[in-house]
Structure formats: C-alpha cells, structure tokens
N, C-alpha and C. Protein backbone atom coordinates (compact mmCIF):
# COMPACT_ATOMS: atom_id res chain seq x y z
N UNK A 1 143.98 105.18 124.78
CA UNK A 1 143.06 105.89 125.65
C UNK A 1 142.88 105.05 126.92
N UNK A 2 143.02 105.67 128.09
CA UNK A 2 142.86 104.91 129.32
C UNK A 2 141.39 104.87 129.75
N UNK A 3 141.13 104.13 130.79
CA UNK A 3 139.75 103.89 131.21
C UNK A 3 139.04 105.17 131.64
N UNK A 4 139.76 106.09 132.25
CA UNK A 4 139.15 107.35 132.68
C UNK A 4 138.79 108.20 131.46
N UNK A 5 139.68 108.23 130.48
CA UNK A 5 139.38 108.96 129.25
C UNK A 5 138.18 108.35 128.54
N UNK A 6 138.10 107.02 128.54
CA UNK A 6 136.95 106.34 127.94
C UNK A 6 135.66 106.68 128.68
N UNK A 7 135.74 106.76 130.01
CA UNK A 7 134.58 107.09 130.82
C UNK A 7 134.10 108.51 130.52
N UNK A 8 135.04 109.44 130.43
CA UNK A 8 134.68 110.83 130.12
C UNK A 8 134.12 110.94 128.70
N UNK A 9 134.70 110.20 127.77
CA UNK A 9 134.20 110.18 126.40
C UNK A 9 132.76 109.68 126.38
N UNK A 10 132.49 108.61 127.11
CA UNK A 10 131.13 108.06 127.21
C UNK A 10 130.18 109.12 127.76
N UNK A 11 130.61 109.77 128.84
CA UNK A 11 129.77 110.78 129.49
C UNK A 11 129.43 111.91 128.53
N UNK A 12 130.39 112.39 127.80
CA UNK A 12 130.17 113.50 126.87
C UNK A 12 129.32 113.06 125.67
N UNK A 13 129.59 111.87 125.15
CA UNK A 13 128.82 111.38 124.00
C UNK A 13 127.35 111.19 124.35
N UNK A 14 127.09 110.78 125.58
CA UNK A 14 125.71 110.54 126.01
C UNK A 14 125.08 111.76 126.69
N UNK A 15 125.87 112.85 126.76
CA UNK A 15 125.40 114.12 127.32
C UNK A 15 124.75 113.95 128.69
N UNK A 16 125.51 113.28 129.57
CA UNK A 16 125.02 113.09 130.93
C UNK A 16 125.96 113.76 131.92
N UNK A 17 125.44 114.10 133.07
CA UNK A 17 126.24 114.74 134.11
C UNK A 17 127.06 113.70 134.85
N UNK A 18 128.03 114.17 135.60
CA UNK A 18 128.81 113.27 136.45
C UNK A 18 127.90 112.59 137.46
N UNK A 19 126.92 113.30 137.94
CA UNK A 19 125.98 112.75 138.91
C UNK A 19 125.19 111.59 138.30
N UNK A 20 124.69 111.78 137.09
CA UNK A 20 123.93 110.71 136.42
C UNK A 20 124.85 109.53 136.12
N UNK A 21 126.07 109.80 135.70
CA UNK A 21 127.03 108.73 135.44
C UNK A 21 127.29 107.94 136.72
N UNK A 22 127.45 108.63 137.82
CA UNK A 22 127.67 107.96 139.11
C UNK A 22 126.50 107.03 139.44
N UNK A 23 125.28 107.50 139.22
CA UNK A 23 124.10 106.66 139.47
C UNK A 23 124.11 105.43 138.57
N UNK A 24 124.46 105.61 137.29
CA UNK A 24 124.51 104.48 136.36
C UNK A 24 125.56 103.46 136.78
N UNK A 25 126.67 103.94 137.35
CA UNK A 25 127.75 103.06 137.77
C UNK A 25 127.52 102.47 139.15
N UNK A 26 126.62 103.08 139.92
CA UNK A 26 126.37 102.61 141.27
C UNK A 26 127.42 103.05 142.27
N UNK A 27 128.03 104.21 142.01
CA UNK A 27 129.02 104.78 142.92
C UNK A 27 128.62 106.19 143.29
N UNK A 28 129.31 106.76 144.25
CA UNK A 28 129.02 108.12 144.68
C UNK A 28 129.48 109.13 143.64
N UNK A 29 128.78 110.26 143.60
CA UNK A 29 129.18 111.35 142.71
C UNK A 29 130.64 111.74 142.96
N UNK A 30 131.02 111.82 144.25
CA UNK A 30 132.38 112.23 144.60
C UNK A 30 133.42 111.28 143.99
N UNK A 31 133.09 110.01 143.91
CA UNK A 31 134.01 109.03 143.32
C UNK A 31 134.24 109.33 141.85
N UNK A 32 133.17 109.51 141.11
CA UNK A 32 133.29 109.83 139.68
C UNK A 32 134.03 111.15 139.50
N UNK A 33 133.70 112.13 140.31
CA UNK A 33 134.34 113.44 140.23
C UNK A 33 135.84 113.33 140.45
N UNK A 34 136.26 112.57 141.45
CA UNK A 34 137.70 112.40 141.73
C UNK A 34 138.39 111.67 140.58
N UNK A 35 137.73 110.65 140.02
CA UNK A 35 138.33 109.94 138.88
C UNK A 35 138.54 110.88 137.71
N UNK A 36 137.49 111.62 137.35
CA UNK A 36 137.55 112.47 136.15
C UNK A 36 138.45 113.67 136.33
N UNK A 37 138.68 114.09 137.58
CA UNK A 37 139.57 115.21 137.84
C UNK A 37 140.99 114.77 138.17
N UNK A 38 141.26 113.47 138.08
CA UNK A 38 142.61 112.95 138.29
C UNK A 38 143.07 112.92 139.73
N UNK A 39 142.15 113.05 140.67
CA UNK A 39 142.54 113.05 142.09
C UNK A 39 142.79 111.64 142.61
N UNK A 40 142.19 110.64 141.98
CA UNK A 40 142.44 109.25 142.32
C UNK A 40 142.09 108.38 141.12
N UNK A 41 142.49 107.13 141.19
CA UNK A 41 142.22 106.19 140.10
C UNK A 41 141.40 105.03 140.64
N UNK A 42 140.59 104.43 139.79
CA UNK A 42 139.84 103.26 140.24
C UNK A 42 140.79 102.09 140.50
N UNK A 43 140.45 101.28 141.49
CA UNK A 43 141.23 100.07 141.78
C UNK A 43 140.95 99.00 140.73
N UNK A 44 141.57 97.84 140.92
CA UNK A 44 141.41 96.76 139.94
C UNK A 44 139.97 96.30 139.81
N UNK A 45 139.29 96.14 140.93
CA UNK A 45 137.89 95.68 140.87
C UNK A 45 137.01 96.74 140.21
N UNK A 46 137.22 98.00 140.59
CA UNK A 46 136.44 99.08 139.97
C UNK A 46 136.75 99.16 138.48
N UNK A 47 138.01 99.00 138.12
CA UNK A 47 138.39 99.03 136.70
C UNK A 47 137.70 97.92 135.93
N UNK A 48 137.64 96.74 136.54
CA UNK A 48 136.95 95.61 135.91
C UNK A 48 135.48 95.96 135.64
N UNK A 49 134.81 96.54 136.64
CA UNK A 49 133.40 96.90 136.47
C UNK A 49 133.23 98.04 135.45
N UNK A 50 134.17 98.96 135.43
CA UNK A 50 134.11 100.04 134.43
C UNK A 50 134.27 99.47 133.03
N UNK A 51 135.19 98.53 132.87
CA UNK A 51 135.38 97.90 131.56
C UNK A 51 134.11 97.20 131.10
N UNK A 52 133.46 96.50 132.03
CA UNK A 52 132.20 95.83 131.69
C UNK A 52 131.15 96.87 131.32
N UNK A 53 131.09 97.95 132.08
CA UNK A 53 130.13 99.01 131.82
C UNK A 53 130.37 99.61 130.43
N UNK A 54 131.60 99.88 130.12
CA UNK A 54 131.94 100.49 128.84
C UNK A 54 131.99 99.46 127.71
N UNK A 55 131.90 98.18 128.08
CA UNK A 55 131.92 97.09 127.11
C UNK A 55 133.20 97.08 126.30
N UNK A 56 134.32 97.34 126.99
CA UNK A 56 135.62 97.37 126.33
C UNK A 56 136.66 96.71 127.23
N UNK A 57 137.66 96.16 126.62
CA UNK A 57 138.81 95.66 127.36
C UNK A 57 139.93 96.67 127.20
N UNK A 58 140.32 97.28 128.31
CA UNK A 58 141.35 98.31 128.24
C UNK A 58 142.64 97.83 128.91
N UNK A 59 142.56 97.01 129.94
CA UNK A 59 143.74 96.50 130.63
C UNK A 59 144.08 97.33 131.85
N UNK A 60 144.42 96.67 132.91
CA UNK A 60 144.68 97.36 134.18
C UNK A 60 145.90 98.26 134.14
N UNK A 61 146.90 97.93 133.33
CA UNK A 61 148.11 98.73 133.28
C UNK A 61 147.91 100.11 132.69
N UNK A 62 146.79 100.35 132.05
CA UNK A 62 146.55 101.64 131.41
C UNK A 62 145.65 102.55 132.23
N UNK A 63 145.44 102.23 133.51
CA UNK A 63 144.55 103.04 134.34
C UNK A 63 144.99 104.43 134.40
C-alpha cells in the first residue's frame, strides 16, 4: 500500500473530510484533493511528514 492509499485509508477509518484532513496535515484542501485524486504526488519532504503523521514507514519509492 502506498502513502496515498494509507492516507485515504486513514481518512475513511476516522470518517473525516478531505478538508479536515488538510487542516490536520497543515496543508491546503486543494493539495490533499490532488493527492487523493492522483493529480500529483507528495514530494520527499511531504512524504516524510505524511509518514510521521501516519506513524508508518512506507519508503519514498512507493509514493
């Protein structure tokens, strides 16, 4: 499972909107929306922060 799939899984398990997830991550709603819709991928630094947020080590190659 890649980091975006993990992020969506977290969002669904916690029953939160993309907007609330964006606030929790400290990024814009549009950023989360683009990630979850496959329009762009988080960079290395963003991936690092997402991994810390999700408390998992996923690895940059699986973005």
